[in-house]
Structures are given as C-alpha cells and as structure tokens.
Amino acid sequence: MRKLTLLFFMTLLSIVVHAEKFSYHIKSVTIVQNGRDVKTQPKNIVIVVDTDYSTVSIDGKSYKIVSSAWGNYPESYFYVKGKDNHKHKILIDYQYNYFIIDSQKNYAEKYQFYKSSINP
C-alpha cells in the first residue's frame, strides 16, 4: 500500500511538473468599460495558457506572456503583449471562475469559465 501511494504521488508530481497547457472552457464573455459591466453574451471557446511557449490563445488571438505570474490563490496575475505590441494585464480568478484580459485603457473582457484543466 505504501508503494502504491508513493507511485500515485510521483505520477501526480510528474504531471504537474510537465504541465504545458492550462485550458479554460468559457461559457460567456462580458465587456467591461470604465469598470462597469456593459454587455454579457454567451461564448463557447477554450482559452489556452501555454507555459512552455509563453503564449495565451483567446478566440483566435495570440498573446505573448511577458511577465511571471504573481498573486495569492485564488487569484493570479500576469502581463501579455498582443500583435499591436500593447501590454495587457490578465487576471485569473478561481474563486469566481473569471479569466479577465484588461487593456488598461478603460476596456476589459471578462470571460466566465465553467471548467479549467491541465493538459500535459
């Protein structure tokens, strides 16, 4: 039993260490302007954060991760740059299941996810 438990934890550790992609399955997106929710619409997409290649893919748009993640659980923050070379702040809130991309120009998109997973 002891060896089986150790094998289980070693397998789990290897999955976490080699995790390449984190997926967030989206059910809706809300446009936020000047700190206020403006419009919510249903959305069925998957957001992928690929830590090996330092990229984030959102609805056909690709962003380059340009900072390390920080924050305390249940929130995590990091910065990305888009094709326009503009820096965006990304917040992932696991308590309320939000993935928010903030343009820092009084405009943000708040994605509500119903499932998140690690894809090794």
PDB file of N, CA and C in Angstrom:
ATOM      1  N   MET A   1       0.820  -1.190   0.000  1.00  0.00           N
ATOM      2  CA  MET A   1       0.000   0.000   0.000  1.00  0.00           C
ATOM      3  C   MET A   1       0.864   1.255   0.000  1.00  0.00           C
ATOM      4  N   ARG A   2       1.924   1.204   0.752  1.00  0.00           N
ATOM      5  CA  ARG A   2       2.815   2.357   0.850  1.00  0.00           C
ATOM      6  C   ARG A   2       3.460   2.664  -0.510  1.00  0.00           C
ATOM      7  N   LYS A   3       3.883   1.619  -1.218  1.00  0.00           N
ATOM      8  CA  LYS A   3       4.499   1.800  -2.537  1.00  0.00           C
ATOM      9  C   LYS A   3       3.485   2.334  -3.538  1.00  0.00           C
ATOM     10  N   LEU A   4       2.257   1.869  -3.450  1.00  0.00           N
ATOM     11  CA  LEU A   4       1.203   2.342  -4.344  1.00  0.00           C
ATOM     12  C   LEU A   4       0.916   3.826  -4.114  1.00  0.00           C
ATOM     13  N   THR A   5       0.869   4.228  -2.858  1.00  0.00           N
ATOM     14  CA  THR A   5       0.655   5.644  -2.531  1.00  0.00           C
ATOM     15  C   THR A   5       1.804   6.495  -3.048  1.00  0.00           C
ATOM     16  N   LEU A   6       3.026   6.027  -2.851  1.00  0.00           N
ATOM     17  CA  LEU A   6       4.193   6.755  -3.342  1.00  0.00           C
ATOM     18  C   LEU A   6       4.169   6.859  -4.866  1.00  0.00           C
ATOM     19  N   LEU A   7       3.795   5.792  -5.539  1.00  0.00           N
ATOM     20  CA  LEU A   7       3.702   5.798  -7.002  1.00  0.00           C
ATOM     21  C   LEU A   7       2.647   6.789  -7.471  1.00  0.00           C
ATOM     22  N   PHE A   8       1.519   6.835  -6.770  1.00  0.00           N
ATOM     23  CA  PHE A   8       0.465   7.782  -7.122  1.00  0.00           C
ATOM     24  C   PHE A   8       0.963   9.224  -7.022  1.00  0.00           C
ATOM     25  N   PHE A   9       1.621   9.572  -5.929  1.00  0.00           N
ATOM     26  CA  PHE A   9       2.111  10.935  -5.745  1.00  0.00           C
ATOM     27  C   PHE A   9       3.225  11.276  -6.733  1.00  0.00           C
ATOM     28  N   MET A  10       4.066  10.323  -7.059  1.00  0.00           N
ATOM     29  CA  MET A  10       5.123  10.564  -8.054  1.00  0.00           C
ATOM     30  C   MET A  10       4.520  10.806  -9.442  1.00  0.00           C
ATOM     31  N   THR A  11       3.476  10.064  -9.778  1.00  0.00           N
ATOM     32  CA  THR A  11       2.788  10.267 -11.054  1.00  0.00           C
ATOM     33  C   THR A  11       2.129  11.634 -11.092  1.00  0.00           C
ATOM     34  N   LEU A  12       1.471  11.989 -10.016  1.00  0.00           N
ATOM     35  CA  LEU A  12       0.827  13.295  -9.925  1.00  0.00           C
ATOM     36  C   LEU A  12       1.854  14.415 -10.037  1.00  0.00           C
ATOM     37  N   LEU A  13       2.977  14.280  -9.369  1.00  0.00           N
ATOM     38  CA  LEU A  13       4.034  15.276  -9.423  1.00  0.00           C
ATOM     39  C   LEU A  13       4.591  15.403 -10.835  1.00  0.00           C
ATOM     40  N   SER A  14       4.761  14.305 -11.537  1.00  0.00           N
ATOM     41  CA  SER A  14       5.301  14.366 -12.900  1.00  0.00           C
ATOM     42  C   SER A  14       4.332  15.068 -13.836  1.00  0.00           C
ATOM     43  N   ILE A  15       3.029  14.901 -13.611  1.00  0.00           N
ATOM     44  CA  ILE A  15       2.040  15.598 -14.441  1.00  0.00           C
ATOM     45  C   ILE A  15       2.129  17.092 -14.205  1.00  0.00           C
ATOM     46  N   VAL A  16       2.226  17.507 -12.956  1.00  0.00           N
ATOM     47  CA  VAL A  16       2.285  18.928 -12.635  1.00  0.00           C
ATOM     48  C   VAL A  16       3.578  19.555 -13.146  1.00  0.00           C
ATOM     49  N   VAL A  17       4.696  18.883 -12.981  1.00  0.00           N
ATOM     50  CA  VAL A  17       5.983  19.428 -13.402  1.00  0.00           C
ATOM     51  C   VAL A  17       6.041  19.596 -14.915  1.00  0.00           C
ATOM     52  N   HIS A  18       5.431  18.677 -15.644  1.00  0.00           N
ATOM     53  CA  HIS A  18       5.483  18.730 -17.100  1.00  0.00           C
ATOM     54  C   HIS A  18       4.242  19.361 -17.722  1.00  0.00           C
ATOM     55  N   ALA A  19       3.463  20.070 -16.928  1.00  0.00           N
ATOM     56  CA  ALA A  19       2.263  20.703 -17.455  1.00  0.00           C
ATOM     57  C   ALA A  19       2.648  21.785 -18.449  1.00  0.00           C
ATOM     58  N   GLU A  20       2.106  21.688 -19.639  1.00  0.00           N
ATOM     59  CA  GLU A  20       2.410  22.644 -20.687  1.00  0.00           C
ATOM     60  C   GLU A  20       1.287  23.632 -20.895  1.00  0.00           C
ATOM     61  N   LYS A  21       0.062  23.144 -20.830  1.00  0.00           N
ATOM     62  CA  LYS A  21      -1.068  23.985 -21.179  1.00  0.00           C
ATOM     63  C   LYS A  21      -2.135  23.936 -20.096  1.00  0.00           C
ATOM     64  N   PHE A  22      -2.695  25.103 -19.836  1.00  0.00           N
ATOM     65  CA  PHE A  22      -3.822  25.219 -18.938  1.00  0.00           C
ATOM     66  C   PHE A  22      -4.997  25.691 -19.779  1.00  0.00           C
ATOM     67  N   SER A  23      -6.106  24.975 -19.735  1.00  0.00           N
ATOM     68  CA  SER A  23      -7.268  25.302 -20.560  1.00  0.00           C
ATOM     69  C   SER A  23      -8.411  25.801 -19.682  1.00  0.00           C
ATOM     70  N   TYR A  24      -9.117  26.791 -20.196  1.00  0.00           N
ATOM     71  CA  TYR A  24     -10.278  27.361 -19.517  1.00  0.00           C
ATOM     72  C   TYR A  24     -11.444  27.297 -20.490  1.00  0.00           C
ATOM     73  N   HIS A  25     -12.486  26.544 -20.151  1.00  0.00           N
ATOM     74  CA  HIS A  25     -13.642  26.356 -21.023  1.00  0.00           C
ATOM     75  C   HIS A  25     -14.667  27.451 -20.699  1.00  0.00           C
ATOM     76  N   ILE A  26     -14.896  28.301 -21.659  1.00  0.00           N
ATOM     77  CA  ILE A  26     -15.669  29.532 -21.464  1.00  0.00           C
ATOM     78  C   ILE A  26     -17.145  29.318 -21.760  1.00  0.00           C
ATOM     79  N   LYS A  27     -18.010  29.933 -20.941  1.00  0.00           N
ATOM     80  CA  LYS A  27     -19.441  29.886 -21.219  1.00  0.00           C
ATOM     81  C   LYS A  27     -20.019  31.258 -21.566  1.00  0.00           C
ATOM     82  N   SER A  28     -19.329  32.355 -21.176  1.00  0.00           N
ATOM     83  CA  SER A  28     -19.817  33.692 -21.535  1.00  0.00           C
ATOM     84  C   SER A  28     -18.679  34.696 -21.465  1.00  0.00           C
ATOM     85  N   VAL A  29     -18.886  35.831 -22.120  1.00  0.00           N
ATOM     86  CA  VAL A  29     -17.924  36.930 -22.056  1.00  0.00           C
ATOM     87  C   VAL A  29     -18.684  38.216 -21.773  1.00  0.00           C
ATOM     88  N   THR A  30     -18.118  39.045 -20.913  1.00  0.00           N
ATOM     89  CA  THR A  30     -18.712  40.328 -20.558  1.00  0.00           C
ATOM     90  C   THR A  30     -17.740  41.435 -20.936  1.00  0.00           C
ATOM     91  N   ILE A  31     -18.245  42.426 -21.646  1.00  0.00           N
ATOM     92  CA  ILE A  31     -17.449  43.613 -21.973  1.00  0.00           C
ATOM     93  C   ILE A  31     -17.520  44.560 -20.780  1.00  0.00           C
ATOM     94  N   VAL A  32     -16.370  45.024 -20.340  1.00  0.00           N
ATOM     95  CA  VAL A  32     -16.292  45.926 -19.193  1.00  0.00           C
ATOM     96  C   VAL A  32     -15.686  47.241 -19.677  1.00  0.00           C
ATOM     97  N   GLN A  33     -16.415  48.342 -19.487  1.00  0.00           N
ATOM     98  CA  GLN A  33     -15.904  49.662 -19.853  1.00  0.00           C
ATOM     99  C   GLN A  33     -15.980  50.568 -18.637  1.00  0.00           C
ATOM    100  N   ASN A  34     -14.875  51.242 -18.372  1.00  0.00           N
ATOM    101  CA  ASN A  34     -14.781  52.145 -17.228  1.00  0.00           C
ATOM    102  C   ASN A  34     -15.205  51.470 -15.926  1.00  0.00           C
ATOM    103  N   GLY A  35     -14.850  50.200 -15.771  1.00  0.00           N
ATOM    104  CA  GLY A  35     -15.131  49.476 -14.541  1.00  0.00           C
ATOM    105  C   GLY A  35     -16.541  48.946 -14.402  1.00  0.00           C
ATOM    106  N   ARG A  36     -17.370  49.095 -15.447  1.00  0.00           N
ATOM    107  CA  ARG A  36     -18.764  48.633 -15.376  1.00  0.00           C
ATOM    108  C   ARG A  36     -19.027  47.574 -16.429  1.00  0.00           C
ATOM    109  N   ASP A  37     -19.764  46.538 -16.018  1.00  0.00           N
ATOM    110  CA  ASP A  37     -20.170  45.518 -16.976  1.00  0.00           C
ATOM    111  C   ASP A  37     -21.172  46.127 -17.944  1.00  0.00           C
ATOM    112  N   VAL A  38     -20.853  46.066 -19.246  1.00  0.00           N
ATOM    113  CA  VAL A  38     -21.704  46.688 -20.252  1.00  0.00           C
ATOM    114  C   VAL A  38     -22.617  45.670 -20.916  1.00  0.00           C
ATOM    115  N   LYS A  39     -22.017  44.574 -21.388  1.00  0.00           N
ATOM    116  CA  LYS A  39     -22.808  43.604 -22.132  1.00  0.00           C
ATOM    117  C   LYS A  39     -22.231  42.208 -21.927  1.00  0.00           C
ATOM    118  N   THR A  40     -23.125  41.246 -21.635  1.00  0.00           N
ATOM    119  CA  THR A  40     -22.715  39.850 -21.494  1.00  0.00           C
ATOM    120  C   THR A  40     -23.361  39.045 -22.608  1.00  0.00           C
ATOM    121  N   GLN A  41     -22.552  38.200 -23.216  1.00  0.00           N
ATOM    122  CA  GLN A  41     -23.096  37.336 -24.260  1.00  0.00           C
ATOM    123  C   GLN A  41     -22.536  35.929 -24.096  1.00  0.00           C
ATOM    124  N   PRO A  42     -23.307  34.916 -24.512  1.00  0.00           N
ATOM    125  CA  PRO A  42     -22.801  33.547 -24.418  1.00  0.00           C
ATOM    126  C   PRO A  42     -21.600  33.364 -25.341  1.00  0.00           C
ATOM    127  N   LYS A  43     -20.653  32.571 -24.921  1.00  0.00           N
ATOM    128  CA  LYS A  43     -19.444  32.325 -25.712  1.00  0.00           C
ATOM    129  C   LYS A  43     -18.997  30.905 -25.409  1.00  0.00           C
ATOM    130  N   ASN A  44     -18.707  30.142 -26.429  1.00  0.00           N
ATOM    131  CA  ASN A  44     -18.275  28.768 -26.246  1.00  0.00           C
ATOM    132  C   ASN A  44     -16.901  28.603 -26.890  1.00  0.00           C
ATOM    133  N   ILE A  45     -15.860  28.936 -26.135  1.00  0.00           N
ATOM    134  CA  ILE A  45     -14.487  28.825 -26.631  1.00  0.00           C
ATOM    135  C   ILE A  45     -13.620  28.217 -25.528  1.00  0.00           C
ATOM    136  N   VAL A  46     -12.382  27.939 -25.880  1.00  0.00           N
ATOM    137  CA  VAL A  46     -11.404  27.465 -24.909  1.00  0.00           C
ATOM    138  C   VAL A  46     -10.222  28.425 -24.934  1.00  0.00           C
ATOM    139  N   ILE A  47      -9.846  28.948 -23.777  1.00  0.00           N
ATOM    140  CA  ILE A  47      -8.651  29.785 -23.645  1.00  0.00           C
ATOM    141  C   ILE A  47      -7.514  28.876 -23.209  1.00  0.00           C
ATOM    142  N   VAL A  48      -6.373  28.981 -23.894  1.00  0.00           N
ATOM    143  CA  VAL A  48      -5.233  28.120 -23.583  1.00  0.00           C
ATOM    144  C   VAL A  48      -4.049  28.982 -23.160  1.00  0.00           C
ATOM    145  N   VAL A  49      -3.510  28.685 -21.984  1.00  0.00           N
ATOM    146  CA  VAL A  49      -2.285  29.316 -21.496  1.00  0.00           C
ATOM    147  C   VAL A  49      -1.198  28.260 -21.605  1.00  0.00           C
ATOM    148  N   ASP A  50      -0.241  28.486 -22.504  1.00  0.00           N
ATOM    149  CA  ASP A  50       0.842  27.527 -22.746  1.00  0.00           C
ATOM    150  C   ASP A  50       2.110  28.062 -22.098  1.00  0.00           C
ATOM    151  N   THR A  51       2.476  27.481 -20.964  1.00  0.00           N
ATOM    152  CA  THR A  51       3.625  27.981 -20.209  1.00  0.00           C
ATOM    153  C   THR A  51       4.950  27.619 -20.857  1.00  0.00           C
ATOM    154  N   ASP A  52       4.998  26.531 -21.620  1.00  0.00           N
ATOM    155  CA  ASP A  52       6.247  26.152 -22.287  1.00  0.00           C
ATOM    156  C   ASP A  52       6.623  27.143 -23.381  1.00  0.00           C
ATOM    157  N   TYR A  53       5.636  27.602 -24.134  1.00  0.00           N
ATOM    158  CA  TYR A  53       5.895  28.530 -25.236  1.00  0.00           C
ATOM    159  C   TYR A  53       5.543  29.976 -24.885  1.00  0.00           C
ATOM    160  N   SER A  54       5.147  30.227 -23.646  1.00  0.00           N
ATOM    161  CA  SER A  54       4.808  31.566 -23.149  1.00  0.00           C
ATOM    162  C   SER A  54       3.777  32.263 -24.025  1.00  0.00           C
ATOM    163  N   THR A  55       2.696  31.557 -24.327  1.00  0.00           N
ATOM    164  CA  THR A  55       1.636  32.139 -25.147  1.00  0.00           C
ATOM    165  C   THR A  55       0.273  31.945 -24.491  1.00  0.00           C
ATOM    166  N   VAL A  56      -0.644  32.822 -24.857  1.00  0.00           N
ATOM    167  CA  VAL A  56      -2.039  32.726 -24.456  1.00  0.00           C
ATOM    168  C   VAL A  56      -2.862  32.854 -25.735  1.00  0.00           C
ATOM    169  N   SER A  57      -3.781  31.927 -25.948  1.00  0.00           N
ATOM    170  CA  SER A  57      -4.666  31.965 -27.116  1.00  0.00           C
ATOM    171  C   SER A  57      -6.092  32.190 -26.644  1.00  0.00           C
ATOM    172  N   ILE A  58      -6.693  33.281 -27.150  1.00  0.00           N
ATOM    173  CA  ILE A  58      -8.067  33.628 -26.786  1.00  0.00           C
ATOM    174  C   ILE A  58      -8.838  33.927 -28.058  1.00  0.00           C
ATOM    175  N   ASP A  59      -9.776  33.074 -28.385  1.00  0.00           N
ATOM    176  CA  ASP A  59     -10.696  33.306 -29.502  1.00  0.00           C
ATOM    177  C   ASP A  59      -9.973  33.703 -30.799  1.00  0.00           C
ATOM    178  N   GLY A  60      -8.927  32.972 -31.133  1.00  0.00           N
ATOM    179  CA  GLY A  60      -8.183  33.221 -32.362  1.00  0.00           C
ATOM    180  C   GLY A  60      -7.087  34.273 -32.242  1.00  0.00           C
ATOM    181  N   LYS A  61      -7.006  34.945 -31.108  1.00  0.00           N
ATOM    182  CA  LYS A  61      -5.951  35.932 -30.880  1.00  0.00           C
ATOM    183  C   LYS A  61      -4.848  35.295 -30.060  1.00  0.00           C
ATOM    184  N   SER A  62      -3.623  35.612 -30.409  1.00  0.00           N
ATOM    185  CA  SER A  62      -2.482  35.057 -29.687  1.00  0.00           C
ATOM    186  C   SER A  62      -1.731  36.177 -28.981  1.00  0.00           C
ATOM    187  N   TYR A  63      -1.347  35.920 -27.745  1.00  0.00           N
ATOM    188  CA  TYR A  63      -0.615  36.881 -26.930  1.00  0.00           C
ATOM    189  C   TYR A  63       0.652  36.222 -26.417  1.00  0.00           C
ATOM    190  N   LYS A  64       1.705  37.002 -26.260  1.00  0.00           N
ATOM    191  CA  LYS A  64       2.980  36.534 -25.715  1.00  0.00           C
ATOM    192  C   LYS A  64       3.045  36.916 -24.237  1.00  0.00           C
ATOM    193  N   ILE A  65       3.329  35.948 -23.373  1.00  0.00           N
ATOM    194  CA  ILE A  65       3.458  36.231 -21.943  1.00  0.00           C
ATOM    195  C   ILE A  65       4.789  36.936 -21.708  1.00  0.00           C
ATOM    196  N   VAL A  66       4.742  38.111 -21.067  1.00  0.00           N
ATOM    197  CA  VAL A  66       5.952  38.920 -20.885  1.00  0.00           C
ATOM    198  C   VAL A  66       6.323  39.121 -19.415  1.00  0.00           C
ATOM    199  N   SER A  67       5.615  38.455 -18.505  1.00  0.00           N
ATOM    200  CA  SER A  67       5.970  38.556 -17.087  1.00  0.00           C
ATOM    201  C   SER A  67       5.648  37.248 -16.390  1.00  0.00           C
ATOM    202  N   SER A  68       6.215  37.083 -15.231  1.00  0.00           N
ATOM    203  CA  SER A  68       5.881  35.929 -14.403  1.00  0.00           C
ATOM    204  C   SER A  68       4.537  36.166 -13.739  1.00  0.00           C
ATOM    205  N   ALA A  69       3.891  35.083 -13.365  1.00  0.00           N
ATOM    206  CA  ALA A  69       2.621  35.205 -12.661  1.00  0.00           C
ATOM    207  C   ALA A  69       2.870  35.527 -11.194  1.00  0.00           C
ATOM    208  N   TRP A  70       1.979  36.297 -10.615  1.00  0.00           N
ATOM    209  CA  TRP A  70       2.052  36.584  -9.184  1.00  0.00           C
ATOM    210  C   TRP A  70       0.634  36.695  -8.643  1.00  0.00           C
ATOM    211  N   GLY A  71       0.519  36.788  -7.362  1.00  0.00           N
ATOM    212  CA  GLY A  71      -0.775  36.857  -6.704  1.00  0.00           C
ATOM    213  C   GLY A  71      -0.919  35.705  -5.744  1.00  0.00           C
ATOM    214  N   ASN A  72      -1.950  35.751  -4.959  1.00  0.00           N
ATOM    215  CA  ASN A  72      -2.244  34.699  -3.991  1.00  0.00           C
ATOM    216  C   ASN A  72      -3.519  33.986  -4.408  1.00  0.00           C
ATOM    217  N   TYR A  73      -3.509  32.658  -4.219  1.00  0.00           N
ATOM    218  CA  TYR A  73      -4.703  31.899  -4.553  1.00  0.00           C
ATOM    219  C   TYR A  73      -5.886  32.496  -3.822  1.00  0.00           C
ATOM    220  N   PRO A  74      -6.988  32.729  -4.449  1.00  0.00           N
ATOM    221  CA  PRO A  74      -7.488  32.192  -5.702  1.00  0.00           C
ATOM    222  C   PRO A  74      -7.275  33.088  -6.923  1.00  0.00           C
ATOM    223  N   GLU A  75      -6.396  34.064  -6.851  1.00  0.00           N
ATOM    224  CA  GLU A  75      -6.165  34.954  -7.984  1.00  0.00           C
ATOM    225  C   GLU A  75      -4.724  34.871  -8.459  1.00  0.00           C
ATOM    226  N   SER A  76      -4.539  35.034  -9.758  1.00  0.00           N
ATOM    227  CA  SER A  76      -3.208  35.063 -10.354  1.00  0.00           C
ATOM    228  C   SER A  76      -3.204  36.138 -11.438  1.00  0.00           C
ATOM    229  N   TYR A  77      -2.088  36.889 -11.527  1.00  0.00           N
ATOM    230  CA  TYR A  77      -1.961  37.965 -12.495  1.00  0.00           C
ATOM    231  C   TYR A  77      -0.698  37.757 -13.338  1.00  0.00           C
ATOM    232  N   PHE A  78      -0.735  38.197 -14.583  1.00  0.00           N
ATOM    233  CA  PHE A  78       0.469  38.283 -15.400  1.00  0.00           C
ATOM    234  C   PHE A  78       0.197  39.209 -16.574  1.00  0.00           C
ATOM    235  N   TYR A  79       1.263  39.605 -17.265  1.00  0.00           N
ATOM    236  CA  TYR A  79       1.131  40.510 -18.405  1.00  0.00           C
ATOM    237  C   TYR A  79       1.429  39.783 -19.705  1.00  0.00           C
ATOM    238  N   VAL A  80       0.728  40.223 -20.757  1.00  0.00           N
ATOM    239  CA  VAL A  80       0.939  39.686 -22.099  1.00  0.00           C
ATOM    240  C   VAL A  80       1.024  40.858 -23.074  1.00  0.00           C
ATOM    241  N   LYS A  81       1.594  40.571 -24.252  1.00  0.00           N
ATOM    242  CA  LYS A  81       1.613  41.551 -25.336  1.00  0.00           C
ATOM    243  C   LYS A  81       0.957  40.933 -26.551  1.00  0.00           C
ATOM    244  N   GLY A  82       0.136  41.736 -27.219  1.00  0.00           N
ATOM    245  CA  GLY A  82      -0.538  41.289 -28.428  1.00  0.00           C
ATOM    246  C   GLY A  82       0.252  41.682 -29.657  1.00  0.00           C
ATOM    247  N   LYS A  83      -0.361  41.480 -30.822  1.00  0.00           N
ATOM    248  CA  LYS A  83       0.302  41.822 -32.080  1.00  0.00           C
ATOM    249  C   LYS A  83       0.538  43.317 -32.210  1.00  0.00           C
ATOM    250  N   ASP A  84      -0.303  44.102 -31.545  1.00  0.00           N
ATOM    251  CA  ASP A  84      -0.137  45.558 -31.577  1.00  0.00           C
ATOM    252  C   ASP A  84       0.961  46.030 -30.630  1.00  0.00           C
ATOM    253  N   ASN A  85       1.633  45.080 -29.965  1.00  0.00           N
ATOM    254  CA  ASN A  85       2.727  45.353 -29.029  1.00  0.00           C
ATOM    255  C   ASN A  85       2.256  46.108 -27.785  1.00  0.00           C
ATOM    256  N   HIS A  86       0.930  46.149 -27.567  1.00  0.00           N
ATOM    257  CA  HIS A  86       0.362  46.787 -26.379  1.00  0.00           C
ATOM    258  C   HIS A  86       0.321  45.770 -25.244  1.00  0.00           C
ATOM    259  N   LYS A  87       0.674  46.200 -24.049  1.00  0.00           N
ATOM    260  CA  LYS A  87       0.702  45.327 -22.873  1.00  0.00           C
ATOM    261  C   LYS A  87      -0.697  45.226 -22.268  1.00  0.00           C
ATOM    262  N   HIS A  88      -1.137  43.992 -22.014  1.00  0.00           N
ATOM    263  CA  HIS A  88      -2.418  43.714 -21.390  1.00  0.00           C
ATOM    264  C   HIS A  88      -2.173  42.973 -20.079  1.00  0.00           C
ATOM    265  N   LYS A  89      -3.030  43.220 -19.112  1.00  0.00           N
ATOM    266  CA  LYS A  89      -2.943  42.508 -17.842  1.00  0.00           C
ATOM    267  C   LYS A  89      -3.997  41.402 -17.848  1.00  0.00           C
ATOM    268  N   ILE A  90      -3.591  40.201 -17.430  1.00  0.00           N
ATOM    269  CA  ILE A  90      -4.520  39.088 -17.345  1.00  0.00           C
ATOM    270  C   ILE A  90      -4.675  38.683 -15.884  1.00  0.00           C
ATOM    271  N   LEU A  91      -5.914  38.525 -15.472  1.00  0.00           N
ATOM    272  CA  LEU A  91      -6.254  38.077 -14.132  1.00  0.00           C
ATOM    273  C   LEU A  91      -7.039  36.775 -14.271  1.00  0.00           C
ATOM    274  N   ILE A  92      -6.653  35.773 -13.515  1.00  0.00           N
ATOM    275  CA  ILE A  92      -7.424  34.536 -13.441  1.00  0.00           C
ATOM    276  C   ILE A  92      -7.918  34.412 -12.012  1.00  0.00           C
ATOM    277  N   ASP A  93      -9.234  34.390 -11.850  1.00  0.00           N
ATOM    278  CA  ASP A  93      -9.852  34.316 -10.533  1.00  0.00           C
ATOM    279  C   ASP A  93     -10.556  32.962 -10.410  1.00  0.00           C
ATOM    280  N   TYR A  94      -9.962  32.058  -9.628  1.00  0.00           N
ATOM    281  CA  TYR A  94     -10.509  30.713  -9.475  1.00  0.00           C
ATOM    282  C   TYR A  94     -11.680  30.662  -8.508  1.00  0.00           C
ATOM    283  N   GLN A  95     -11.862  31.683  -7.688  1.00  0.00           N
ATOM    284  CA  GLN A  95     -12.989  31.703  -6.759  1.00  0.00           C
ATOM    285  C   GLN A  95     -14.293  31.964  -7.508  1.00  0.00           C
ATOM    286  N   TYR A  96     -14.271  32.927  -8.438  1.00  0.00           N
ATOM    287  CA  TYR A  96     -15.470  33.282  -9.194  1.00  0.00           C
ATOM    288  C   TYR A  96     -15.437  32.771 -10.627  1.00  0.00           C
ATOM    289  N   ASN A  97     -14.391  32.016 -10.992  1.00  0.00           N
ATOM    290  CA  ASN A  97     -14.229  31.435 -12.328  1.00  0.00           C
ATOM    291  C   ASN A  97     -14.233  32.489 -13.440  1.00  0.00           C
ATOM    292  N   TYR A  98     -13.372  33.501 -13.269  1.00  0.00           N
ATOM    293  CA  TYR A  98     -13.210  34.533 -14.287  1.00  0.00           C
ATOM    294  C   TYR A  98     -11.797  34.534 -14.847  1.00  0.00           C
ATOM    295  N   PHE A  99     -11.715  34.776 -16.145  1.00  0.00           N
ATOM    296  CA  PHE A  99     -10.460  34.981 -16.850  1.00  0.00           C
ATOM    297  C   PHE A  99     -10.612  36.357 -17.488  1.00  0.00           C
ATOM    298  N   ILE A 100      -9.882  37.352 -16.989  1.00  0.00           N
ATOM    299  CA  ILE A 100     -10.082  38.741 -17.423  1.00  0.00           C
ATOM    300  C   ILE A 100      -8.844  39.238 -18.149  1.00  0.00           C
ATOM    301  N   ILE A 101      -9.057  39.802 -19.339  1.00  0.00           N
ATOM    302  CA  ILE A 101      -7.963  40.453 -20.054  1.00  0.00           C
ATOM    303  C   ILE A 101      -8.271  41.948 -20.077  1.00  0.00           C
ATOM    304  N   ASP A 102      -7.381  42.702 -19.447  1.00  0.00           N
ATOM    305  CA  ASP A 102      -7.568  44.137 -19.246  1.00  0.00           C
ATOM    306  C   ASP A 102      -6.606  44.892 -20.147  1.00  0.00           C
ATOM    307  N   SER A 103      -7.154  45.737 -21.025  1.00  0.00           N
ATOM    308  CA  SER A 103      -6.309  46.512 -21.930  1.00  0.00           C
ATOM    309  C   SER A 103      -5.652  47.687 -21.233  1.00  0.00           C
ATOM    310  N   GLN A 104      -6.081  47.980 -19.998  1.00  0.00           N
ATOM    311  CA  GLN A 104      -5.592  49.103 -19.198  1.00  0.00           C
ATOM    312  C   GLN A 104      -5.896  50.450 -19.865  1.00  0.00           C
ATOM    313  N   LYS A 105      -6.903  50.449 -20.722  1.00  0.00           N
ATOM    314  CA  LYS A 105      -7.383  51.684 -21.351  1.00  0.00           C
ATOM    315  C   LYS A 105      -8.893  51.790 -21.139  1.00  0.00           C
ATOM    316  N   ASN A 106      -9.336  51.497 -19.911  1.00  0.00           N
ATOM    317  CA  ASN A 106     -10.750  51.529 -19.533  1.00  0.00           C
ATOM    318  C   ASN A 106     -11.606  50.535 -20.307  1.00  0.00           C
ATOM    319  N   TYR A 107     -10.997  49.437 -20.775  1.00  0.00           N
ATOM    320  CA  TYR A 107     -11.728  48.409 -21.501  1.00  0.00           C
ATOM    321  C   TYR A 107     -11.172  47.044 -21.103  1.00  0.00           C
ATOM    322  N   ALA A 108     -12.071  46.099 -20.851  1.00  0.00           N
ATOM    323  CA  ALA A 108     -11.650  44.748 -20.489  1.00  0.00           C
ATOM    324  C   ALA A 108     -12.678  43.748 -21.015  1.00  0.00           C
ATOM    325  N   GLU A 109     -12.235  42.521 -21.129  1.00  0.00           N
ATOM    326  CA  GLU A 109     -13.131  41.421 -21.458  1.00  0.00           C
ATOM    327  C   GLU A 109     -13.053  40.422 -20.313  1.00  0.00           C
ATOM    328  N   LYS A 110     -14.206  40.079 -19.748  1.00  0.00           N
ATOM    329  CA  LYS A 110     -14.276  39.187 -18.600  1.00  0.00           C
ATOM    330  C   LYS A 110     -14.940  37.886 -19.054  1.00  0.00           C
ATOM    331  N   TYR A 111     -14.150  36.825 -19.104  1.00  0.00           N
ATOM    332  CA  TYR A 111     -14.636  35.528 -19.555  1.00  0.00           C
ATOM    333  C   TYR A 111     -15.012  34.687 -18.337  1.00  0.00           C
ATOM    334  N   GLN A 112     -16.217  34.148 -18.333  1.00  0.00           N
ATOM    335  CA  GLN A 112     -16.672  33.247 -17.262  1.00  0.00           C
ATOM    336  C   GLN A 112     -16.370  31.818 -17.709  1.00  0.00           C
ATOM    337  N   PHE A 113     -15.552  31.078 -16.939  1.00  0.00           N
ATOM    338  CA  PHE A 113     -15.285  29.706 -17.326  1.00  0.00           C
ATOM    339  C   PHE A 113     -15.999  28.741 -16.390  1.00  0.00           C
ATOM    340  N   TYR A 114     -16.384  27.602 -16.950  1.00  0.00           N
ATOM    341  CA  TYR A 114     -17.068  26.589 -16.160  1.00  0.00           C
ATOM    342  C   TYR A 114     -16.175  25.407 -15.831  1.00  0.00           C
ATOM    343  N   LYS A 115     -15.003  25.349 -16.477  1.00  0.00           N
ATOM    344  CA  LYS A 115     -14.072  24.262 -16.207  1.00  0.00           C
ATOM    345  C   LYS A 115     -12.673  24.714 -16.558  1.00  0.00           C
ATOM    346  N   SER A 116     -11.695  24.323 -15.746  1.00  0.00           N
ATOM    347  CA  SER A 116     -10.302  24.557 -16.085  1.00  0.00           C
ATOM    348  C   SER A 116      -9.578  23.227 -15.950  1.00  0.00           C
ATOM    349  N   SER A 117      -8.551  23.047 -16.776  1.00  0.00           N
ATOM    350  CA  SER A 117      -7.838  21.771 -16.732  1.00  0.00           C
ATOM    351  C   SER A 117      -6.394  21.977 -17.126  1.00  0.00           C
ATOM    352  N   ILE A 118      -5.571  21.012 -16.745  1.00  0.00           N
ATOM    353  CA  ILE A 118      -4.165  20.999 -17.106  1.00  0.00           C
ATOM    354  C   ILE A 118      -3.984  19.928 -18.172  1.00  0.00           C
ATOM    355  N   ASN A 119      -3.375  20.319 -19.296  1.00  0.00           N
ATOM    356  CA  ASN A 119      -3.132  19.384 -20.398  1.00  0.00           C
ATOM    357  C   ASN A 119      -1.641  19.171 -20.554  1.00  0.00           C
ATOM    358  N   PRO A 120      -1.117  18.069 -20.047  1.00  0.00           N
ATOM    359  CA  PRO A 120       0.321  17.818 -20.171  1.00  0.00           C
ATOM    360  C   PRO A 120       0.699  17.481 -21.609  1.00  0.00           C
TER     361      PRO A 120
END
